[in-house]
């Protein structure tokens, strides 16, 4: 009898252990302000998500990468627009939450997520990058971002890139009960033109500060200042000696048009080594 009672007690304990093990895990629910690797989590409002994608002029021909994708809403919103998008998120619970949300919305073919560190991830294939990170994180990422293909669009929720001024700023309507974090800032990665160039107009020297350029054209010993110079991706424009120059930068060449006195002609320049 004693052996039977011991067997019964063991069997009962085993069943309790099995039942406890079989209990479904509590589904993860993120909380605003929860600590992450580099920042606390605060969701971007859907109104601002849409504003950011609109400012970037994101279309189905783009590839959007969201840095610090949180609950996946930016990636999923892009995917619902027919855009292929990837979320980079360090918190594995957030990654799984985002995958479930994408499945629920039926966009898993276009919305993908990966658990990764922003500073160790290659996002060079992106044509649009979205982010809601603190200014110091933006500054740490800035050299990598400036190394992306000219014309890549970067959109940030609220926070800046230091002295790299935004090309555009926009504001979204307030939603989700909050009037905070409604500003979107857009940067377009500029081509690199700093240095010496040679053209039929003379020897050009450009000094570049992000998308702004200055410098001079030297022809026959006469130096003319470059004014109003700017880059928008690979598109360059500036004035010098009463003439207006525009063109497209392609690595070590610039091809475009120079207009002076109402007449226009082709213009080109080659980078000097």
C-alpha atoms as a PDB file:
ATOM      1  CA  UNK A   1       0.000   0.000   0.000  1.00  0.00           C
ATOM      2  CA  UNK A   2       2.833   2.349   0.888  1.00  0.00           C
ATOM      3  CA  UNK A   3       4.422   1.756  -2.538  1.00  0.00           C
ATOM      4  CA  UNK A   4       1.071   2.441  -4.213  1.00  0.00           C
ATOM      5  CA  UNK A   5       0.654   5.722  -2.328  1.00  0.00           C
ATOM      6  CA  UNK A   6       4.190   6.807  -3.302  1.00  0.00           C
ATOM      7  CA  UNK A   7       3.476   5.921  -6.927  1.00  0.00           C
ATOM      8  CA  UNK A   8       0.232   7.905  -6.843  1.00  0.00           C
ATOM      9  CA  UNK A   9       1.991  10.928  -5.333  1.00  0.00           C
ATOM     10  CA  UNK A  10       4.734  10.742  -7.968  1.00  0.00           C
ATOM     11  CA  UNK A  11       2.229  10.430 -10.783  1.00  0.00           C
ATOM     12  CA  UNK A  12       0.233  13.385  -9.460  1.00  0.00           C
ATOM     13  CA  UNK A  13       3.372  15.538  -9.171  1.00  0.00           C
ATOM     14  CA  UNK A  14       4.361  14.584 -12.716  1.00  0.00           C
ATOM     15  CA  UNK A  15       0.954  15.542 -14.079  1.00  0.00           C
ATOM     16  CA  UNK A  16       1.112  18.905 -12.289  1.00  0.00           C
ATOM     17  CA  UNK A  17       4.594  19.544 -13.727  1.00  0.00           C
ATOM     18  CA  UNK A  18       3.428  18.581 -17.227  1.00  0.00           C
ATOM     19  CA  UNK A  19       0.358  20.807 -16.930  1.00  0.00           C
ATOM     20  CA  UNK A  20       2.467  23.737 -15.744  1.00  0.00           C
ATOM     21  CA  UNK A  21       4.891  23.214 -18.619  1.00  0.00           C
ATOM     22  CA  UNK A  22       2.022  23.059 -21.088  1.00  0.00           C
ATOM     23  CA  UNK A  23       0.686  26.480 -20.072  1.00  0.00           C
ATOM     24  CA  UNK A  24       1.042  28.903 -23.037  1.00  0.00           C
ATOM     25  CA  UNK A  25       3.673  31.567 -22.586  1.00  0.00           C
ATOM     26  CA  UNK A  26       2.326  35.024 -21.876  1.00  0.00           C
ATOM     27  CA  UNK A  27       2.362  37.049 -25.086  1.00  0.00           C
ATOM     28  CA  UNK A  28       4.880  39.884 -25.060  1.00  0.00           C
ATOM     29  CA  UNK A  29       3.386  43.358 -24.980  1.00  0.00           C
ATOM     30  CA  UNK A  30       5.739  46.332 -25.299  1.00  0.00           C
ATOM     31  CA  UNK A  31       5.472  49.254 -22.908  1.00  0.00           C
ATOM     32  CA  UNK A  32       6.182  52.842 -23.827  1.00  0.00           C
ATOM     33  CA  UNK A  33       9.468  53.848 -22.209  1.00  0.00           C
ATOM     34  CA  UNK A  34      10.824  50.322 -21.901  1.00  0.00           C
ATOM     35  CA  UNK A  35      14.611  50.215 -22.012  1.00  0.00           C
ATOM     36  CA  UNK A  36      16.340  49.117 -25.198  1.00  0.00           C
ATOM     37  CA  UNK A  37      20.005  48.676 -26.097  1.00  0.00           C
ATOM     38  CA  UNK A  38      20.576  52.303 -27.108  1.00  0.00           C
ATOM     39  CA  UNK A  39      17.242  54.085 -26.505  1.00  0.00           C
ATOM     40  CA  UNK A  40      13.958  53.606 -24.707  1.00  0.00           C
ATOM     41  CA  UNK A  41      11.021  52.571 -26.877  1.00  0.00           C
ATOM     42  CA  UNK A  42       8.474  55.195 -27.865  1.00  0.00           C
ATOM     43  CA  UNK A  43       6.317  54.357 -30.903  1.00  0.00           C
ATOM     44  CA  UNK A  44       6.152  56.730 -33.855  1.00  0.00           C
ATOM     45  CA  UNK A  45       2.558  57.805 -34.501  1.00  0.00           C
ATOM     46  CA  UNK A  46       1.001  56.365 -37.644  1.00  0.00           C
ATOM     47  CA  UNK A  47       0.380  59.899 -38.908  1.00  0.00           C
ATOM     48  CA  UNK A  48       4.110  60.620 -38.700  1.00  0.00           C
ATOM     49  CA  UNK A  49       5.035  57.237 -40.188  1.00  0.00           C
ATOM     50  CA  UNK A  50       2.982  58.130 -43.259  1.00  0.00           C
ATOM     51  CA  UNK A  51       4.424  61.657 -43.336  1.00  0.00           C
ATOM     52  CA  UNK A  52       7.968  60.271 -43.257  1.00  0.00           C
ATOM     53  CA  UNK A  53       7.291  57.866 -46.124  1.00  0.00           C
ATOM     54  CA  UNK A  54       5.598  60.648 -48.091  1.00  0.00           C
ATOM     55  CA  UNK A  55       8.539  63.024 -47.610  1.00  0.00           C
ATOM     56  CA  UNK A  56      10.920  60.302 -48.782  1.00  0.00           C
ATOM     57  CA  UNK A  57       8.679  59.798 -51.830  1.00  0.00           C
ATOM     58  CA  UNK A  58       8.884  56.070 -51.127  1.00  0.00           C
ATOM     59  CA  UNK A  59       7.386  53.898 -53.878  1.00  0.00           C
ATOM     60  CA  UNK A  60       7.243  50.155 -54.628  1.00  0.00           C
ATOM     61  CA  UNK A  61      10.558  50.544 -56.472  1.00  0.00           C
ATOM     62  CA  UNK A  62      12.276  51.438 -53.186  1.00  0.00           C
ATOM     63  CA  UNK A  63      13.760  49.339 -50.407  1.00  0.00           C
ATOM     64  CA  UNK A  64      13.044  50.815 -46.974  1.00  0.00           C
ATOM     65  CA  UNK A  65      15.135  49.910 -43.935  1.00  0.00           C
ATOM     66  CA  UNK A  66      13.864  51.043 -40.524  1.00  0.00           C
ATOM     67  CA  UNK A  67      16.640  51.378 -37.945  1.00  0.00           C
ATOM     68  CA  UNK A  68      15.316  50.385 -34.532  1.00  0.00           C
ATOM     69  CA  UNK A  69      12.016  49.102 -35.869  1.00  0.00           C
ATOM     70  CA  UNK A  70      10.298  48.544 -32.509  1.00  0.00           C
ATOM     71  CA  UNK A  71       6.815  47.095 -32.995  1.00  0.00           C
ATOM     72  CA  UNK A  72       7.270  47.092 -36.781  1.00  0.00           C
ATOM     73  CA  UNK A  73       4.707  49.725 -37.646  1.00  0.00           C
ATOM     74  CA  UNK A  74       6.895  51.670 -40.101  1.00  0.00           C
ATOM     75  CA  UNK A  75       7.927  48.530 -41.959  1.00  0.00           C
ATOM     76  CA  UNK A  76       4.353  47.243 -42.066  1.00  0.00           C
ATOM     77  CA  UNK A  77       2.987  50.601 -43.237  1.00  0.00           C
ATOM     78  CA  UNK A  78       5.557  50.675 -46.050  1.00  0.00           C
ATOM     79  CA  UNK A  79       4.694  47.087 -46.981  1.00  0.00           C
ATOM     80  CA  UNK A  80       0.997  47.951 -47.151  1.00  0.00           C
ATOM     81  CA  UNK A  81       1.985  50.571 -49.738  1.00  0.00           C
ATOM     82  CA  UNK A  82       3.567  47.809 -51.821  1.00  0.00           C
ATOM     83  CA  UNK A  83       7.122  48.646 -50.725  1.00  0.00           C
ATOM     84  CA  UNK A  84       9.679  46.045 -49.696  1.00  0.00           C
ATOM     85  CA  UNK A  85      10.872  46.939 -46.195  1.00  0.00           C
ATOM     86  CA  UNK A  86      13.185  45.544 -43.511  1.00  0.00           C
ATOM     87  CA  UNK A  87      13.183  46.303 -39.799  1.00  0.00           C
ATOM     88  CA  UNK A  88      16.408  46.158 -37.787  1.00  0.00           C
ATOM     89  CA  UNK A  89      15.680  45.651 -34.081  1.00  0.00           C
ATOM     90  CA  UNK A  90      17.894  44.503 -31.204  1.00  0.00           C
ATOM     91  CA  UNK A  91      15.102  43.259 -28.920  1.00  0.00           C
ATOM     92  CA  UNK A  92      14.144  39.706 -30.004  1.00  0.00           C
ATOM     93  CA  UNK A  93      10.685  40.003 -28.401  1.00  0.00           C
ATOM     94  CA  UNK A  94      10.010  43.090 -30.528  1.00  0.00           C
ATOM     95  CA  UNK A  95      11.173  41.218 -33.620  1.00  0.00           C
ATOM     96  CA  UNK A  96       8.740  38.368 -32.992  1.00  0.00           C
ATOM     97  CA  UNK A  97       5.941  40.815 -32.176  1.00  0.00           C
ATOM     98  CA  UNK A  98       6.586  42.584 -35.492  1.00  0.00           C
ATOM     99  CA  UNK A  99       6.551  39.323 -37.424  1.00  0.00           C
ATOM    100  CA  UNK A 100       3.167  38.408 -35.929  1.00  0.00           C
ATOM    101  CA  UNK A 101       1.794  41.852 -36.771  1.00  0.00           C
ATOM    102  CA  UNK A 102       3.042  41.565 -40.363  1.00  0.00           C
ATOM    103  CA  UNK A 103       1.415  38.153 -40.689  1.00  0.00           C
ATOM    104  CA  UNK A 104      -1.857  39.530 -39.336  1.00  0.00           C
ATOM    105  CA  UNK A 105      -1.758  42.313 -41.957  1.00  0.00           C
ATOM    106  CA  UNK A 106      -0.873  39.841 -44.718  1.00  0.00           C
ATOM    107  CA  UNK A 107       2.363  41.584 -45.738  1.00  0.00           C
ATOM    108  CA  UNK A 108       5.037  39.053 -44.776  1.00  0.00           C
ATOM    109  CA  UNK A 109       6.305  38.857 -48.376  1.00  0.00           C
ATOM    110  CA  UNK A 110       7.319  42.523 -48.236  1.00  0.00           C
ATOM    111  CA  UNK A 111       7.810  43.140 -44.492  1.00  0.00           C
ATOM    112  CA  UNK A 112      10.744  41.355 -42.874  1.00  0.00           C
ATOM    113  CA  UNK A 113      12.523  41.812 -39.563  1.00  0.00           C
ATOM    114  CA  UNK A 114      15.877  40.828 -38.144  1.00  0.00           C
ATOM    115  CA  UNK A 115      17.434  40.916 -34.698  1.00  0.00           C
ATOM    116  CA  UNK A 116      20.657  42.875 -35.115  1.00  0.00           C
ATOM    117  CA  UNK A 117      22.838  45.686 -33.804  1.00  0.00           C
ATOM    118  CA  UNK A 118      22.520  48.891 -35.864  1.00  0.00           C
ATOM    119  CA  UNK A 119      26.251  49.510 -35.706  1.00  0.00           C
ATOM    120  CA  UNK A 120      27.109  46.055 -37.025  1.00  0.00           C
ATOM    121  CA  UNK A 121      24.500  45.848 -39.791  1.00  0.00           C
ATOM    122  CA  UNK A 122      24.971  46.518 -43.494  1.00  0.00           C
ATOM    123  CA  UNK A 123      22.129  48.725 -44.727  1.00  0.00           C
ATOM    124  CA  UNK A 124      23.835  49.835 -47.948  1.00  0.00           C
ATOM    125  CA  UNK A 125      21.082  48.339 -50.133  1.00  0.00           C
ATOM    126  CA  UNK A 126      18.457  50.701 -48.733  1.00  0.00           C
ATOM    127  CA  UNK A 127      17.122  53.484 -50.934  1.00  0.00           C
ATOM    128  CA  UNK A 128      15.155  54.902 -47.983  1.00  0.00           C
ATOM    129  CA  UNK A 129      16.142  54.759 -44.302  1.00  0.00           C
ATOM    130  CA  UNK A 130      13.724  55.645 -41.512  1.00  0.00           C
ATOM    131  CA  UNK A 131      14.624  56.041 -37.861  1.00  0.00           C
ATOM    132  CA  UNK A 132      13.576  57.350 -34.460  1.00  0.00           C
ATOM    133  CA  UNK A 133      16.875  57.480 -32.596  1.00  0.00           C
ATOM    134  CA  UNK A 134      18.502  59.984 -30.282  1.00  0.00           C
ATOM    135  CA  UNK A 135      20.848  62.665 -31.700  1.00  0.00           C
ATOM    136  CA  UNK A 136      23.998  61.021 -30.334  1.00  0.00           C
ATOM    137  CA  UNK A 137      23.053  57.737 -32.034  1.00  0.00           C
ATOM    138  CA  UNK A 138      22.345  59.612 -35.280  1.00  0.00           C
ATOM    139  CA  UNK A 139      25.804  61.190 -35.083  1.00  0.00           C
ATOM    140  CA  UNK A 140      27.455  57.811 -34.574  1.00  0.00           C
ATOM    141  CA  UNK A 141      25.622  56.469 -37.615  1.00  0.00           C
ATOM    142  CA  UNK A 142      26.193  59.590 -39.734  1.00  0.00           C
ATOM    143  CA  UNK A 143      29.558  58.572 -41.293  1.00  0.00           C
ATOM    144  CA  UNK A 144      28.044  55.282 -42.391  1.00  0.00           C
ATOM    145  CA  UNK A 145      24.967  57.049 -43.758  1.00  0.00           C
ATOM    146  CA  UNK A 146      27.072  59.580 -45.693  1.00  0.00           C
ATOM    147  CA  UNK A 147      28.856  56.629 -47.306  1.00  0.00           C
ATOM    148  CA  UNK A 148      25.607  55.360 -48.829  1.00  0.00           C
ATOM    149  CA  UNK A 149      24.767  55.776 -52.504  1.00  0.00           C
ATOM    150  CA  UNK A 150      24.044  59.418 -53.404  1.00  0.00           C
ATOM    151  CA  UNK A 151      20.318  60.008 -53.507  1.00  0.00           C
ATOM    152  CA  UNK A 152      19.515  57.666 -50.620  1.00  0.00           C
ATOM    153  CA  UNK A 153      16.776  59.320 -48.559  1.00  0.00           C
ATOM    154  CA  UNK A 154      17.046  59.429 -44.770  1.00  0.00           C
ATOM    155  CA  UNK A 155      14.017  60.361 -42.669  1.00  0.00           C
ATOM    156  CA  UNK A 156      14.158  60.883 -38.915  1.00  0.00           C
ATOM    157  CA  UNK A 157      11.400  61.293 -36.380  1.00  0.00           C
ATOM    158  CA  UNK A 158      12.239  64.565 -34.548  1.00  0.00           C
ATOM    159  CA  UNK A 159      15.986  64.159 -34.004  1.00  0.00           C
ATOM    160  CA  UNK A 160      18.737  65.810 -36.043  1.00  0.00           C
ATOM    161  CA  UNK A 161      22.101  64.924 -37.595  1.00  0.00           C
ATOM    162  CA  UNK A 162      24.123  67.643 -35.892  1.00  0.00           C
ATOM    163  CA  UNK A 163      25.508  70.259 -38.279  1.00  0.00           C
ATOM    164  CA  UNK A 164      24.241  68.292 -41.305  1.00  0.00           C
ATOM    165  CA  UNK A 165      21.118  70.348 -41.900  1.00  0.00           C
ATOM    166  CA  UNK A 166      17.973  68.622 -43.121  1.00  0.00           C
ATOM    167  CA  UNK A 167      16.971  69.157 -46.752  1.00  0.00           C
ATOM    168  CA  UNK A 168      13.308  69.271 -45.748  1.00  0.00           C
ATOM    169  CA  UNK A 169      11.258  69.413 -42.566  1.00  0.00           C
ATOM    170  CA  UNK A 170       7.603  68.477 -42.198  1.00  0.00           C
ATOM    171  CA  UNK A 171       4.970  68.141 -39.491  1.00  0.00           C
ATOM    172  CA  UNK A 172       2.322  65.459 -39.120  1.00  0.00           C
ATOM    173  CA  UNK A 173      -1.122  65.854 -37.636  1.00  0.00           C
ATOM    174  CA  UNK A 174      -1.472  64.829 -33.994  1.00  0.00           C
ATOM    175  CA  UNK A 175      -2.902  61.350 -33.469  1.00  0.00           C
ATOM    176  CA  UNK A 176      -2.923  58.577 -30.880  1.00  0.00           C
ATOM    177  CA  UNK A 177      -3.550  61.197 -28.199  1.00  0.00           C
ATOM    178  CA  UNK A 178      -0.099  62.781 -28.376  1.00  0.00           C
ATOM    179  CA  UNK A 179       1.122  66.157 -29.570  1.00  0.00           C
ATOM    180  CA  UNK A 180       4.786  65.166 -29.187  1.00  0.00           C
ATOM    181  CA  UNK A 181       7.166  63.812 -31.818  1.00  0.00           C
ATOM    182  CA  UNK A 182       5.310  65.154 -34.855  1.00  0.00           C
ATOM    183  CA  UNK A 183       8.302  66.444 -36.842  1.00  0.00           C
ATOM    184  CA  UNK A 184       9.924  64.592 -39.734  1.00  0.00           C
ATOM    185  CA  UNK A 185      13.349  65.555 -41.087  1.00  0.00           C
ATOM    186  CA  UNK A 186      14.591  64.488 -44.513  1.00  0.00           C
ATOM    187  CA  UNK A 187      18.183  64.275 -45.714  1.00  0.00           C
ATOM    188  CA  UNK A 188      19.290  63.189 -49.170  1.00  0.00           C
ATOM    189  CA  UNK A 189      22.760  61.649 -49.192  1.00  0.00           C
ATOM    190  CA  UNK A 190      24.933  63.965 -51.330  1.00  0.00           C
ATOM    191  CA  UNK A 191      27.526  62.920 -53.870  1.00  0.00           C
ATOM    192  CA  UNK A 192      31.154  63.604 -52.939  1.00  0.00           C
ATOM    193  CA  UNK A 193      32.655  66.488 -54.937  1.00  0.00           C
ATOM    194  CA  UNK A 194      35.213  67.967 -52.543  1.00  0.00           C
ATOM    195  CA  UNK A 195      38.517  68.685 -54.303  1.00  0.00           C
ATOM    196  CA  UNK A 196      39.856  69.681 -57.719  1.00  0.00           C
ATOM    197  CA  UNK A 197      38.072  69.264 -61.061  1.00  0.00           C
ATOM    198  CA  UNK A 198      38.988  70.179 -64.637  1.00  0.00           C
ATOM    199  CA  UNK A 199      36.546  71.533 -67.214  1.00  0.00           C
ATOM    200  CA  UNK A 200      36.444  73.681 -70.339  1.00  0.00           C
ATOM    201  CA  UNK A 201      35.469  76.575 -68.044  1.00  0.00           C
ATOM    202  CA  UNK A 202      38.747  76.238 -66.146  1.00  0.00           C
ATOM    203  CA  UNK A 203      40.108  74.545 -63.045  1.00  0.00           C
ATOM    204  CA  UNK A 204      37.409  74.069 -60.403  1.00  0.00           C
ATOM    205  CA  UNK A 205      38.005  73.658 -56.718  1.00  0.00           C
ATOM    206  CA  UNK A 206      35.044  72.603 -54.608  1.00  0.00           C
ATOM    207  CA  UNK A 207      34.829  72.755 -50.829  1.00  0.00           C
ATOM    208  CA  UNK A 208      31.976  70.587 -49.590  1.00  0.00           C
ATOM    209  CA  UNK A 209      30.083  70.676 -46.312  1.00  0.00           C
ATOM    210  CA  UNK A 210      27.464  67.965 -46.617  1.00  0.00           C
ATOM    211  CA  UNK A 211      25.009  69.175 -49.324  1.00  0.00           C
ATOM    212  CA  UNK A 212      26.476  72.699 -49.505  1.00  0.00           C
ATOM    213  CA  UNK A 213      29.388  73.567 -51.783  1.00  0.00           C
ATOM    214  CA  UNK A 214      31.595  76.604 -52.305  1.00  0.00           C
ATOM    215  CA  UNK A 215      34.854  77.120 -54.146  1.00  0.00           C
ATOM    216  CA  UNK A 216      36.245  78.778 -57.242  1.00  0.00           C
ATOM    217  CA  UNK A 217      36.890  78.484 -60.967  1.00  0.00           C
ATOM    218  CA  UNK A 218      40.338  79.506 -62.162  1.00  0.00           C
ATOM    219  CA  UNK A 219      40.655  80.332 -65.862  1.00  0.00           C
ATOM    220  CA  UNK A 220      43.664  82.085 -67.348  1.00  0.00           C
ATOM    221  CA  UNK A 221      44.860  83.159 -63.937  1.00  0.00           C
ATOM    222  CA  UNK A 222      41.525  84.757 -63.076  1.00  0.00           C
ATOM    223  CA  UNK A 223      39.650  83.249 -60.116  1.00  0.00           C
ATOM    224  CA  UNK A 224      35.854  83.390 -59.956  1.00  0.00           C
ATOM    225  CA  UNK A 225      33.986  82.424 -56.816  1.00  0.00           C
ATOM    226  CA  UNK A 226      31.438  79.620 -56.811  1.00  0.00           C
ATOM    227  CA  UNK A 227      28.234  80.755 -55.096  1.00  0.00           C
ATOM    228  CA  UNK A 228      24.888  79.181 -54.222  1.00  0.00           C
ATOM    229  CA  UNK A 229      26.342  75.714 -54.580  1.00  0.00           C
ATOM    230  CA  UNK A 230      24.277  72.743 -53.462  1.00  0.00           C
ATOM    231  CA  UNK A 231      23.878  69.026 -53.950  1.00  0.00           C
ATOM    232  CA  UNK A 232      20.672  67.049 -53.896  1.00  0.00           C
ATOM    233  CA  UNK A 233      21.814  63.486 -54.159  1.00  0.00           C
ATOM    234  CA  UNK A 234      23.866  63.332 -57.360  1.00  0.00           C
ATOM    235  CA  UNK A 235      22.408  66.592 -58.722  1.00  0.00           C
ATOM    236  CA  UNK A 236      24.721  69.606 -58.470  1.00  0.00           C
ATOM    237  CA  UNK A 237      24.039  73.275 -59.093  1.00  0.00           C
ATOM    238  CA  UNK A 238      26.039  76.461 -58.549  1.00  0.00           C
ATOM    239  CA  UNK A 239      26.720  79.911 -60.014  1.00  0.00           C
ATOM    240  CA  UNK A 240      30.007  81.443 -61.090  1.00  0.00           C
ATOM    241  CA  UNK A 241      30.784  84.572 -63.093  1.00  0.00           C
ATOM    242  CA  UNK A 242      27.143  85.199 -63.946  1.00  0.00           C
ATOM    243  CA  UNK A 243      26.662  81.683 -65.319  1.00  0.00           C
ATOM    244  CA  UNK A 244      24.443  78.986 -63.829  1.00  0.00           C
ATOM    245  CA  UNK A 245      25.808  75.441 -63.766  1.00  0.00           C
ATOM    246  CA  UNK A 246      23.732  72.296 -63.280  1.00  0.00           C
ATOM    247  CA  UNK A 247      24.667  68.673 -63.709  1.00  0.00           C
ATOM    248  CA  UNK A 248      24.722  65.101 -62.491  1.00  0.00           C
ATOM    249  CA  UNK A 249      27.679  63.688 -60.565  1.00  0.00           C
ATOM    250  CA  UNK A 250      28.710  60.191 -61.558  1.00  0.00           C
ATOM    251  CA  UNK A 251      31.788  59.207 -59.593  1.00  0.00           C
ATOM    252  CA  UNK A 252      34.656  61.172 -61.115  1.00  0.00           C
ATOM    253  CA  UNK A 253      32.660  63.007 -63.777  1.00  0.00           C
ATOM    254  CA  UNK A 254      30.021  65.725 -63.863  1.00  0.00           C
ATOM    255  CA  UNK A 255      27.901  66.178 -66.970  1.00  0.00           C
ATOM    256  CA  UNK A 256      25.333  68.919 -67.311  1.00  0.00           C
ATOM    257  CA  UNK A 257      24.474  72.346 -68.655  1.00  0.00           C
ATOM    258  CA  UNK A 258      25.836  75.855 -68.204  1.00  0.00           C
ATOM    259  CA  UNK A 259      23.545  78.817 -68.904  1.00  0.00           C
ATOM    260  CA  UNK A 260      24.817  82.343 -69.462  1.00  0.00           C
ATOM    261  CA  UNK A 261      23.145  85.345 -71.104  1.00  0.00           C
ATOM    262  CA  UNK A 262      20.071  83.280 -71.921  1.00  0.00           C
ATOM    263  CA  UNK A 263      22.071  80.692 -73.890  1.00  0.00           C
ATOM    264  CA  UNK A 264      22.746  77.150 -72.687  1.00  0.00           C
ATOM    265  CA  UNK A 265      25.358  74.614 -73.682  1.00  0.00           C
ATOM    266  CA  UNK A 266      26.671  71.288 -72.474  1.00  0.00           C
ATOM    267  CA  UNK A 267      29.204  71.312 -69.683  1.00  0.00           C
ATOM    268  CA  UNK A 268      31.338  68.625 -68.085  1.00  0.00           C
ATOM    269  CA  UNK A 269      34.098  68.263 -65.514  1.00  0.00           C
ATOM    270  CA  UNK A 270      36.506  65.510 -64.496  1.00  0.00           C
ATOM    271  CA  UNK A 271      37.903  64.952 -61.029  1.00  0.00           C
ATOM    272  CA  UNK A 272      41.648  65.503 -60.747  1.00  0.00           C
ATOM    273  CA  UNK A 273      43.653  62.859 -58.909  1.00  0.00           C
END
